[in-house]
Amino acid sequence: MKKSTAAQIKSALVKIPDWKKKAAVISRTFQFKDFPAAMKFVDGVAVLAEQAWHHPDIDIRWNKVTLTLTTHDAGGLTQKDFDLARQFDQLSLR
């Protein structure tokens, strides 16, 4: 997959406003009512990541889960990162 241009990244971020870009990654912290709810979300993230064969870095802090995405083999952000970020956003609403 081709690395996204600055214009493509800017356009894609509009569709996922809770995600923040820093250098060559995007990340977002999700907050849940408690640890079991956070872990249920992480389980769902694992399923989606496996289906996409694209895996985020995951940091779990009791009721908070931070996901970080980048496409290492492309050397930066690709459409795959933004597509998966949208899926994670939708998953967090369930």
PDB file of N, CA and C in Angstrom:
ATOM      1  N   MET A   1       0.847  -1.181   0.000  1.00  0.00           N
ATOM      2  CA  MET A   1       0.000   0.000   0.000  1.00  0.00           C
ATOM      3  C   MET A   1       0.890   1.242   0.000  1.00  0.00           C
ATOM      4  N   LYS A   2       0.465   2.254  -0.754  1.00  0.00           N
ATOM      5  CA  LYS A   2       1.233   3.491  -0.880  1.00  0.00           C
ATOM      6  C   LYS A   2       1.032   4.410   0.319  1.00  0.00           C
ATOM      7  N   LYS A   3       2.118   5.033   0.740  1.00  0.00           N
ATOM      8  CA  LYS A   3       2.082   6.009   1.817  1.00  0.00           C
ATOM      9  C   LYS A   3       1.213   7.201   1.402  1.00  0.00           C
ATOM     10  N   SER A   4       0.391   7.678   2.318  1.00  0.00           N
ATOM     11  CA  SER A   4      -0.502   8.808   2.039  1.00  0.00           C
ATOM     12  C   SER A   4       0.282  10.115   1.955  1.00  0.00           C
ATOM     13  N   THR A   5      -0.206  11.019   1.109  1.00  0.00           N
ATOM     14  CA  THR A   5       0.377  12.355   1.006  1.00  0.00           C
ATOM     15  C   THR A   5      -0.157  13.215   2.160  1.00  0.00           C
ATOM     16  N   ALA A   6       0.462  14.351   2.373  1.00  0.00           N
ATOM     17  CA  ALA A   6       0.013  15.274   3.424  1.00  0.00           C
ATOM     18  C   ALA A   6      -1.442  15.687   3.199  1.00  0.00           C
ATOM     19  N   ALA A   7      -1.816  15.943   1.965  1.00  0.00           N
ATOM     20  CA  ALA A   7      -3.194  16.343   1.648  1.00  0.00           C
ATOM     21  C   ALA A   7      -4.166  15.197   1.925  1.00  0.00           C
ATOM     22  N   GLN A   8      -3.788  13.977   1.579  1.00  0.00           N
ATOM     23  CA  GLN A   8      -4.644  12.819   1.839  1.00  0.00           C
ATOM     24  C   GLN A   8      -4.815  12.598   3.346  1.00  0.00           C
ATOM     25  N   ILE A   9      -3.749  12.780   4.099  1.00  0.00           N
ATOM     26  CA  ILE A   9      -3.806  12.624   5.552  1.00  0.00           C
ATOM     27  C   ILE A   9      -4.737  13.670   6.155  1.00  0.00           C
ATOM     28  N   LYS A  10      -4.593  14.910   5.735  1.00  0.00           N
ATOM     29  CA  LYS A  10      -5.435  15.991   6.246  1.00  0.00           C
ATOM     30  C   LYS A  10      -6.906  15.707   5.957  1.00  0.00           C
ATOM     31  N   SER A  11      -7.205  15.246   4.762  1.00  0.00           N
ATOM     32  CA  SER A  11      -8.575  14.913   4.381  1.00  0.00           C
ATOM     33  C   SER A  11      -9.110  13.731   5.188  1.00  0.00           C
ATOM     34  N   ALA A  12      -8.297  12.727   5.388  1.00  0.00           N
ATOM     35  CA  ALA A  12      -8.724  11.535   6.124  1.00  0.00           C
ATOM     36  C   ALA A  12      -8.975  11.842   7.597  1.00  0.00           C
ATOM     37  N   LEU A  13      -8.180  12.719   8.180  1.00  0.00           N
ATOM     38  CA  LEU A  13      -8.338  13.060   9.598  1.00  0.00           C
ATOM     39  C   LEU A  13      -9.659  13.766   9.881  1.00  0.00           C
ATOM     40  N   VAL A  14     -10.209  14.442   8.883  1.00  0.00           N
ATOM     41  CA  VAL A  14     -11.514  15.100   9.051  1.00  0.00           C
ATOM     42  C   VAL A  14     -12.590  14.070   9.381  1.00  0.00           C
ATOM     43  N   LYS A  15     -12.462  12.871   8.834  1.00  0.00           N
ATOM     44  CA  LYS A  15     -13.457  11.816   9.032  1.00  0.00           C
ATOM     45  C   LYS A  15     -13.281  11.074  10.353  1.00  0.00           C
ATOM     46  N   ILE A  16     -12.146  11.285  11.019  1.00  0.00           N
ATOM     47  CA  ILE A  16     -11.887  10.645  12.318  1.00  0.00           C
ATOM     48  C   ILE A  16     -11.333  11.709  13.279  1.00  0.00           C
ATOM     49  N   PRO A  17     -12.168  12.674  13.655  1.00  0.00           N
ATOM     50  CA  PRO A  17     -11.694  13.847  14.393  1.00  0.00           C
ATOM     51  C   PRO A  17     -11.099  13.564  15.767  1.00  0.00           C
ATOM     52  N   ASP A  18     -11.400  12.423  16.373  1.00  0.00           N
ATOM     53  CA  ASP A  18     -10.846  12.117  17.693  1.00  0.00           C
ATOM     54  C   ASP A  18      -9.445  11.533  17.627  1.00  0.00           C
ATOM     55  N   TRP A  19      -8.994  11.218  16.426  1.00  0.00           N
ATOM     56  CA  TRP A  19      -7.642  10.690  16.239  1.00  0.00           C
ATOM     57  C   TRP A  19      -6.693  11.852  16.002  1.00  0.00           C
ATOM     58  N   LYS A  20      -5.508  11.740  16.570  1.00  0.00           N
ATOM     59  CA  LYS A  20      -4.502  12.794  16.437  1.00  0.00           C
ATOM     60  C   LYS A  20      -3.269  12.242  15.734  1.00  0.00           C
ATOM     61  N   LYS A  21      -2.719  13.047  14.845  1.00  0.00           N
ATOM     62  CA  LYS A  21      -1.501  12.661  14.120  1.00  0.00           C
ATOM     63  C   LYS A  21      -0.290  13.215  14.847  1.00  0.00           C
ATOM     64  N   LYS A  22       0.700  12.374  15.003  1.00  0.00           N
ATOM     65  CA  LYS A  22       1.984  12.803  15.555  1.00  0.00           C
ATOM     66  C   LYS A  22       3.056  12.058  14.776  1.00  0.00           C
ATOM     67  N   ALA A  23       3.859  12.819  14.069  1.00  0.00           N
ATOM     68  CA  ALA A  23       4.886  12.245  13.190  1.00  0.00           C
ATOM     69  C   ALA A  23       4.207  11.307  12.188  1.00  0.00           C
ATOM     70  N   ALA A  24       4.595  10.048  12.159  1.00  0.00           N
ATOM     71  CA  ALA A  24       4.076   9.111  11.149  1.00  0.00           C
ATOM     72  C   ALA A  24       3.019   8.168  11.705  1.00  0.00           C
ATOM     73  N   VAL A  25       2.336   8.570  12.801  1.00  0.00           N
ATOM     74  CA  VAL A  25       1.303   7.719  13.390  1.00  0.00           C
ATOM     75  C   VAL A  25       0.047   8.533  13.684  1.00  0.00           C
ATOM     76  N   ILE A  26      -1.071   7.810  13.837  1.00  0.00           N
ATOM     77  CA  ILE A  26      -2.289   8.405  14.379  1.00  0.00           C
ATOM     78  C   ILE A  26      -2.643   7.612  15.628  1.00  0.00           C
ATOM     79  N   SER A  27      -3.208   8.309  16.610  1.00  0.00           N
ATOM     80  CA  SER A  27      -3.590   7.610  17.834  1.00  0.00           C
ATOM     81  C   SER A  27      -4.834   8.240  18.439  1.00  0.00           C
ATOM     82  N   ARG A  28      -5.483   7.408  19.258  1.00  0.00           N
ATOM     83  CA  ARG A  28      -6.678   7.861  19.961  1.00  0.00           C
ATOM     84  C   ARG A  28      -6.789   7.087  21.262  1.00  0.00           C
ATOM     85  N   THR A  29      -7.221   7.787  22.312  1.00  0.00           N
ATOM     86  CA  THR A  29      -7.503   7.131  23.590  1.00  0.00           C
ATOM     87  C   THR A  29      -9.012   7.021  23.755  1.00  0.00           C
ATOM     88  N   PHE A  30      -9.468   5.807  23.995  1.00  0.00           N
ATOM     89  CA  PHE A  30     -10.874   5.503  24.236  1.00  0.00           C
ATOM     90  C   PHE A  30     -11.052   5.311  25.740  1.00  0.00           C
ATOM     91  N   GLN A  31     -12.160   5.800  26.292  1.00  0.00           N
ATOM     92  CA  GLN A  31     -12.421   5.632  27.719  1.00  0.00           C
ATOM     93  C   GLN A  31     -13.718   4.858  27.905  1.00  0.00           C
ATOM     94  N   PHE A  32     -13.699   3.908  28.850  1.00  0.00           N
ATOM     95  CA  PHE A  32     -14.839   3.043  29.119  1.00  0.00           C
ATOM     96  C   PHE A  32     -15.218   3.118  30.591  1.00  0.00           C
ATOM     97  N   LYS A  33     -16.352   2.517  30.944  1.00  0.00           N
ATOM     98  CA  LYS A  33     -16.842   2.615  32.326  1.00  0.00           C
ATOM     99  C   LYS A  33     -15.964   1.872  33.315  1.00  0.00           C
ATOM    100  N   ASP A  34     -15.302   0.788  32.862  1.00  0.00           N
ATOM    101  CA  ASP A  34     -14.466   0.016  33.769  1.00  0.00           C
ATOM    102  C   ASP A  34     -13.514  -0.880  32.971  1.00  0.00           C
ATOM    103  N   PHE A  35     -12.704  -1.628  33.684  1.00  0.00           N
ATOM    104  CA  PHE A  35     -11.708  -2.494  33.055  1.00  0.00           C
ATOM    105  C   PHE A  35     -12.331  -3.575  32.173  1.00  0.00           C
ATOM    106  N   PRO A  36     -13.382  -4.281  32.641  1.00  0.00           N
ATOM    107  CA  PRO A  36     -13.985  -5.299  31.756  1.00  0.00           C
ATOM    108  C   PRO A  36     -14.502  -4.713  30.438  1.00  0.00           C
ATOM    109  N   ALA A  37     -15.073  -3.526  30.472  1.00  0.00           N
ATOM    110  CA  ALA A  37     -15.558  -2.894  29.238  1.00  0.00           C
ATOM    111  C   ALA A  37     -14.390  -2.555  28.319  1.00  0.00           C
ATOM    112  N   ALA A  38     -13.293  -2.091  28.899  1.00  0.00           N
ATOM    113  CA  ALA A  38     -12.101  -1.777  28.098  1.00  0.00           C
ATOM    114  C   ALA A  38     -11.554  -3.043  27.451  1.00  0.00           C
ATOM    115  N   MET A  39     -11.529  -4.143  28.200  1.00  0.00           N
ATOM    116  CA  MET A  39     -11.004  -5.402  27.668  1.00  0.00           C
ATOM    117  C   MET A  39     -11.920  -5.984  26.580  1.00  0.00           C
ATOM    118  N   LYS A  40     -13.213  -5.797  26.742  1.00  0.00           N
ATOM    119  CA  LYS A  40     -14.152  -6.239  25.694  1.00  0.00           C
ATOM    120  C   LYS A  40     -13.854  -5.494  24.391  1.00  0.00           C
ATOM    121  N   PHE A  41     -13.599  -4.187  24.503  1.00  0.00           N
ATOM    122  CA  PHE A  41     -13.241  -3.394  23.326  1.00  0.00           C
ATOM    123  C   PHE A  41     -11.948  -3.914  22.709  1.00  0.00           C
ATOM    124  N   VAL A  42     -10.944  -4.187  23.531  1.00  0.00           N
ATOM    125  CA  VAL A  42      -9.659  -4.682  23.022  1.00  0.00           C
ATOM    126  C   VAL A  42      -9.853  -6.015  22.297  1.00  0.00           C
ATOM    127  N   ASP A  43     -10.719  -6.868  22.825  1.00  0.00           N
ATOM    128  CA  ASP A  43     -11.013  -8.136  22.139  1.00  0.00           C
ATOM    129  C   ASP A  43     -11.589  -7.872  20.750  1.00  0.00           C
ATOM    130  N   GLY A  44     -12.479  -6.887  20.648  1.00  0.00           N
ATOM    131  CA  GLY A  44     -13.047  -6.527  19.352  1.00  0.00           C
ATOM    132  C   GLY A  44     -12.010  -5.931  18.417  1.00  0.00           C
ATOM    133  N   VAL A  45     -11.108  -5.132  18.975  1.00  0.00           N
ATOM    134  CA  VAL A  45     -10.012  -4.562  18.188  1.00  0.00           C
ATOM    135  C   VAL A  45      -9.167  -5.689  17.596  1.00  0.00           C
ATOM    136  N   ALA A  46      -8.901  -6.708  18.392  1.00  0.00           N
ATOM    137  CA  ALA A  46      -8.090  -7.834  17.930  1.00  0.00           C
ATOM    138  C   ALA A  46      -8.743  -8.537  16.744  1.00  0.00           C
ATOM    139  N   VAL A  47     -10.042  -8.718  16.806  1.00  0.00           N
ATOM    140  CA  VAL A  47     -10.764  -9.368  15.704  1.00  0.00           C
ATOM    141  C   VAL A  47     -10.668  -8.530  14.432  1.00  0.00           C
ATOM    142  N   LEU A  48     -10.949  -7.241  14.546  1.00  0.00           N
ATOM    143  CA  LEU A  48     -10.886  -6.363  13.375  1.00  0.00           C
ATOM    144  C   LEU A  48      -9.469  -6.273  12.809  1.00  0.00           C
ATOM    145  N   ALA A  49      -8.485  -6.200  13.691  1.00  0.00           N
ATOM    146  CA  ALA A  49      -7.090  -6.097  13.247  1.00  0.00           C
ATOM    147  C   ALA A  49      -6.660  -7.363  12.504  1.00  0.00           C
ATOM    148  N   GLU A  50      -7.061  -8.512  13.001  1.00  0.00           N
ATOM    149  CA  GLU A  50      -6.722  -9.768  12.330  1.00  0.00           C
ATOM    150  C   GLU A  50      -7.381  -9.843  10.954  1.00  0.00           C
ATOM    151  N   GLN A  51      -8.646  -9.429  10.881  1.00  0.00           N
ATOM    152  CA  GLN A  51      -9.354  -9.449   9.598  1.00  0.00           C
ATOM    153  C   GLN A  51      -8.663  -8.545   8.579  1.00  0.00           C
ATOM    154  N   ALA A  52      -8.168  -7.415   9.044  1.00  0.00           N
ATOM    155  CA  ALA A  52      -7.512  -6.454   8.152  1.00  0.00           C
ATOM    156  C   ALA A  52      -6.029  -6.781   7.965  1.00  0.00           C
ATOM    157  N   TRP A  53      -5.516  -7.697   8.771  1.00  0.00           N
ATOM    158  CA  TRP A  53      -4.093  -8.012   8.801  1.00  0.00           C
ATOM    159  C   TRP A  53      -3.272  -6.727   8.971  1.00  0.00           C
ATOM    160  N   HIS A  54      -3.748  -5.930   9.930  1.00  0.00           N
ATOM    161  CA  HIS A  54      -3.108  -4.648  10.233  1.00  0.00           C
ATOM    162  C   HIS A  54      -3.321  -4.403  11.726  1.00  0.00           C
ATOM    163  N   HIS A  55      -2.248  -4.369  12.490  1.00  0.00           N
ATOM    164  CA  HIS A  55      -2.346  -4.414  13.944  1.00  0.00           C
ATOM    165  C   HIS A  55      -1.865  -3.131  14.610  1.00  0.00           C
ATOM    166  N   PRO A  56      -2.713  -2.537  15.460  1.00  0.00           N
ATOM    167  CA  PRO A  56      -2.320  -1.317  16.156  1.00  0.00           C
ATOM    168  C   PRO A  56      -1.431  -1.633  17.360  1.00  0.00           C
ATOM    169  N   ASP A  57      -0.699  -0.647  17.814  1.00  0.00           N
ATOM    170  CA  ASP A  57      -0.078  -0.723  19.131  1.00  0.00           C
ATOM    171  C   ASP A  57      -1.200  -0.422  20.119  1.00  0.00           C
ATOM    172  N   ILE A  58      -1.255  -1.169  21.211  1.00  0.00           N
ATOM    173  CA  ILE A  58      -2.334  -1.036  22.186  1.00  0.00           C
ATOM    174  C   ILE A  58      -1.744  -0.788  23.568  1.00  0.00           C
ATOM    175  N   ASP A  59      -2.221   0.269  24.220  1.00  0.00           N
ATOM    176  CA  ASP A  59      -1.832   0.573  25.594  1.00  0.00           C
ATOM    177  C   ASP A  59      -3.103   0.560  26.434  1.00  0.00           C
ATOM    178  N   ILE A  60      -3.132  -0.274  27.463  1.00  0.00           N
ATOM    179  CA  ILE A  60      -4.323  -0.415  28.314  1.00  0.00           C
ATOM    180  C   ILE A  60      -4.007   0.127  29.700  1.00  0.00           C
ATOM    181  N   ARG A  61      -4.835   1.044  30.159  1.00  0.00           N
ATOM    182  CA  ARG A  61      -4.714   1.633  31.502  1.00  0.00           C
ATOM    183  C   ARG A  61      -6.081   1.608  32.167  1.00  0.00           C
ATOM    184  N   TRP A  62      -6.371   0.591  32.918  1.00  0.00           N
ATOM    185  CA  TRP A  62      -7.636   0.346  33.589  1.00  0.00           C
ATOM    186  C   TRP A  62      -8.828   0.545  32.650  1.00  0.00           C
ATOM    187  N   ASN A  63      -9.427   1.736  32.587  1.00  0.00           N
ATOM    188  CA  ASN A  63     -10.600   1.943  31.732  1.00  0.00           C
ATOM    189  C   ASN A  63     -10.272   2.727  30.464  1.00  0.00           C
ATOM    190  N   LYS A  64      -8.989   2.905  30.179  1.00  0.00           N
ATOM    191  CA  LYS A  64      -8.572   3.653  28.990  1.00  0.00           C
ATOM    192  C   LYS A  64      -7.732   2.759  28.088  1.00  0.00           C
ATOM    193  N   VAL A  65      -8.015   2.862  26.798  1.00  0.00           N
ATOM    194  CA  VAL A  65      -7.275   2.100  25.791  1.00  0.00           C
ATOM    195  C   VAL A  65      -6.796   3.084  24.733  1.00  0.00           C
ATOM    196  N   THR A  66      -5.488   3.138  24.533  1.00  0.00           N
ATOM    197  CA  THR A  66      -4.924   3.984  23.484  1.00  0.00           C
ATOM    198  C   THR A  66      -4.462   3.097  22.341  1.00  0.00           C
ATOM    199  N   LEU A  67      -4.945   3.417  21.144  1.00  0.00           N
ATOM    200  CA  LEU A  67      -4.563   2.702  19.936  1.00  0.00           C
ATOM    201  C   LEU A  67      -3.695   3.618  19.084  1.00  0.00           C
ATOM    202  N   THR A  68      -2.649   3.065  18.519  1.00  0.00           N
ATOM    203  CA  THR A  68      -1.752   3.810  17.641  1.00  0.00           C
ATOM    204  C   THR A  68      -1.585   3.022  16.351  1.00  0.00           C
ATOM    205  N   LEU A  69      -1.758   3.704  15.233  1.00  0.00           N
ATOM    206  CA  LEU A  69      -1.686   3.068  13.919  1.00  0.00           C
ATOM    207  C   LEU A  69      -0.654   3.734  13.016  1.00  0.00           C
ATOM    208  N   THR A  70       0.034   2.926  12.261  1.00  0.00           N
ATOM    209  CA  THR A  70       0.899   3.342  11.168  1.00  0.00           C
ATOM    210  C   THR A  70       1.138   2.110  10.309  1.00  0.00           C
ATOM    211  N   THR A  71       1.531   2.300   9.081  1.00  0.00           N
ATOM    212  CA  THR A  71       1.834   1.170   8.199  1.00  0.00           C
ATOM    213  C   THR A  71       3.349   1.102   8.059  1.00  0.00           C
ATOM    214  N   HIS A  72       3.955   0.239   8.865  1.00  0.00           N
ATOM    215  CA  HIS A  72       5.417   0.162   8.937  1.00  0.00           C
ATOM    216  C   HIS A  72       6.060  -0.138   7.581  1.00  0.00           C
ATOM    217  N   ASP A  73       5.486  -1.086   6.832  1.00  0.00           N
ATOM    218  CA  ASP A  73       6.124  -1.459   5.566  1.00  0.00           C
ATOM    219  C   ASP A  73       6.009  -0.374   4.501  1.00  0.00           C
ATOM    220  N   ALA A  74       5.109   0.610   4.703  1.00  0.00           N
ATOM    221  CA  ALA A  74       5.012   1.745   3.781  1.00  0.00           C
ATOM    222  C   ALA A  74       5.815   2.944   4.300  1.00  0.00           C
ATOM    223  N   GLY A  75       6.272   2.863   5.523  1.00  0.00           N
ATOM    224  CA  GLY A  75       7.056   3.957   6.087  1.00  0.00           C
ATOM    225  C   GLY A  75       6.224   5.138   6.555  1.00  0.00           C
ATOM    226  N   GLY A  76       4.960   4.906   6.895  1.00  0.00           N
ATOM    227  CA  GLY A  76       4.105   5.996   7.358  1.00  0.00           C
ATOM    228  C   GLY A  76       2.641   5.621   7.265  1.00  0.00           C
ATOM    229  N   LEU A  77       1.810   6.622   7.219  1.00  0.00           N
ATOM    230  CA  LEU A  77       0.360   6.416   7.195  1.00  0.00           C
ATOM    231  C   LEU A  77      -0.134   6.070   5.791  1.00  0.00           C
ATOM    232  N   THR A  78      -1.085   5.128   5.762  1.00  0.00           N
ATOM    233  CA  THR A  78      -1.739   4.749   4.509  1.00  0.00           C
ATOM    234  C   THR A  78      -3.243   4.744   4.723  1.00  0.00           C
ATOM    235  N   GLN A  79      -3.975   4.534   3.655  1.00  0.00           N
ATOM    236  CA  GLN A  79      -5.432   4.459   3.752  1.00  0.00           C
ATOM    237  C   GLN A  79      -5.857   3.343   4.698  1.00  0.00           C
ATOM    238  N   LYS A  80      -5.061   2.292   4.787  1.00  0.00           N
ATOM    239  CA  LYS A  80      -5.358   1.174   5.681  1.00  0.00           C
ATOM    240  C   LYS A  80      -5.483   1.657   7.129  1.00  0.00           C
ATOM    241  N   ASP A  81      -4.644   2.592   7.547  1.00  0.00           N
ATOM    242  CA  ASP A  81      -4.697   3.120   8.912  1.00  0.00           C
ATOM    243  C   ASP A  81      -6.001   3.865   9.169  1.00  0.00           C
ATOM    244  N   PHE A  82      -6.398   4.680   8.226  1.00  0.00           N
ATOM    245  CA  PHE A  82      -7.613   5.470   8.401  1.00  0.00           C
ATOM    246  C   PHE A  82      -8.868   4.608   8.338  1.00  0.00           C
ATOM    247  N   ASP A  83      -8.858   3.603   7.476  1.00  0.00           N
ATOM    248  CA  ASP A  83      -9.994   2.678   7.399  1.00  0.00           C
ATOM    249  C   ASP A  83     -10.172   1.938   8.722  1.00  0.00           C
ATOM    250  N   LEU A  84      -9.080   1.454   9.275  1.00  0.00           N
ATOM    251  CA  LEU A  84      -9.155   0.707  10.525  1.00  0.00           C
ATOM    252  C   LEU A  84      -9.525   1.629  11.688  1.00  0.00           C
ATOM    253  N   ALA A  85      -9.038   2.841  11.690  1.00  0.00           N
ATOM    254  CA  ALA A  85      -9.396   3.804  12.738  1.00  0.00           C
ATOM    255  C   ALA A  85     -10.911   4.026  12.757  1.00  0.00           C
ATOM    256  N   ARG A  86     -11.522   4.157  11.591  1.00  0.00           N
ATOM    257  CA  ARG A  86     -12.984   4.321  11.524  1.00  0.00           C
ATOM    258  C   ARG A  86     -13.695   3.091  12.084  1.00  0.00           C
ATOM    259  N   GLN A  87     -13.176   1.916  11.780  1.00  0.00           N
ATOM    260  CA  GLN A  87     -13.780   0.692  12.311  1.00  0.00           C
ATOM    261  C   GLN A  87     -13.668   0.636  13.835  1.00  0.00           C
ATOM    262  N   PHE A  88     -12.529   1.070  14.376  1.00  0.00           N
ATOM    263  CA  PHE A  88     -12.362   1.095  15.827  1.00  0.00           C
ATOM    264  C   PHE A  88     -13.307   2.110  16.463  1.00  0.00           C
ATOM    265  N   ASP A  89     -13.513   3.243  15.808  1.00  0.00           N
ATOM    266  CA  ASP A  89     -14.464   4.237  16.310  1.00  0.00           C
ATOM    267  C   ASP A  89     -15.864   3.632  16.401  1.00  0.00           C
ATOM    268  N   GLN A  90     -16.281   2.936  15.356  1.00  0.00           N
ATOM    269  CA  GLN A  90     -17.596   2.304  15.332  1.00  0.00           C
ATOM    270  C   GLN A  90     -17.710   1.229  16.411  1.00  0.00           C
ATOM    271  N   LEU A  91     -16.658   0.465  16.590  1.00  0.00           N
ATOM    272  CA  LEU A  91     -16.648  -0.574  17.617  1.00  0.00           C
ATOM    273  C   LEU A  91     -16.816   0.023  19.007  1.00  0.00           C
ATOM    274  N   SER A  92     -16.241   1.173  19.247  1.00  0.00           N
ATOM    275  CA  SER A  92     -16.323   1.784  20.582  1.00  0.00           C
ATOM    276  C   SER A  92     -17.732   2.221  20.938  1.00  0.00           C
ATOM    277  N   LEU A  93     -18.606   2.344  19.947  1.00  0.00           N
ATOM    278  CA  LEU A  93     -19.982   2.791  20.193  1.00  0.00           C
ATOM    279  C   LEU A  93     -20.936   1.636  20.513  1.00  0.00           C
ATOM    280  N   ARG A  94     -20.453   0.423  20.360  1.00  0.00           N
ATOM    281  CA  ARG A  94     -21.319  -0.749  20.622  1.00  0.00           C
ATOM    282  C   ARG A  94     -21.458  -1.030  22.084  1.00  0.00           C
TER     283      ARG A  94
END
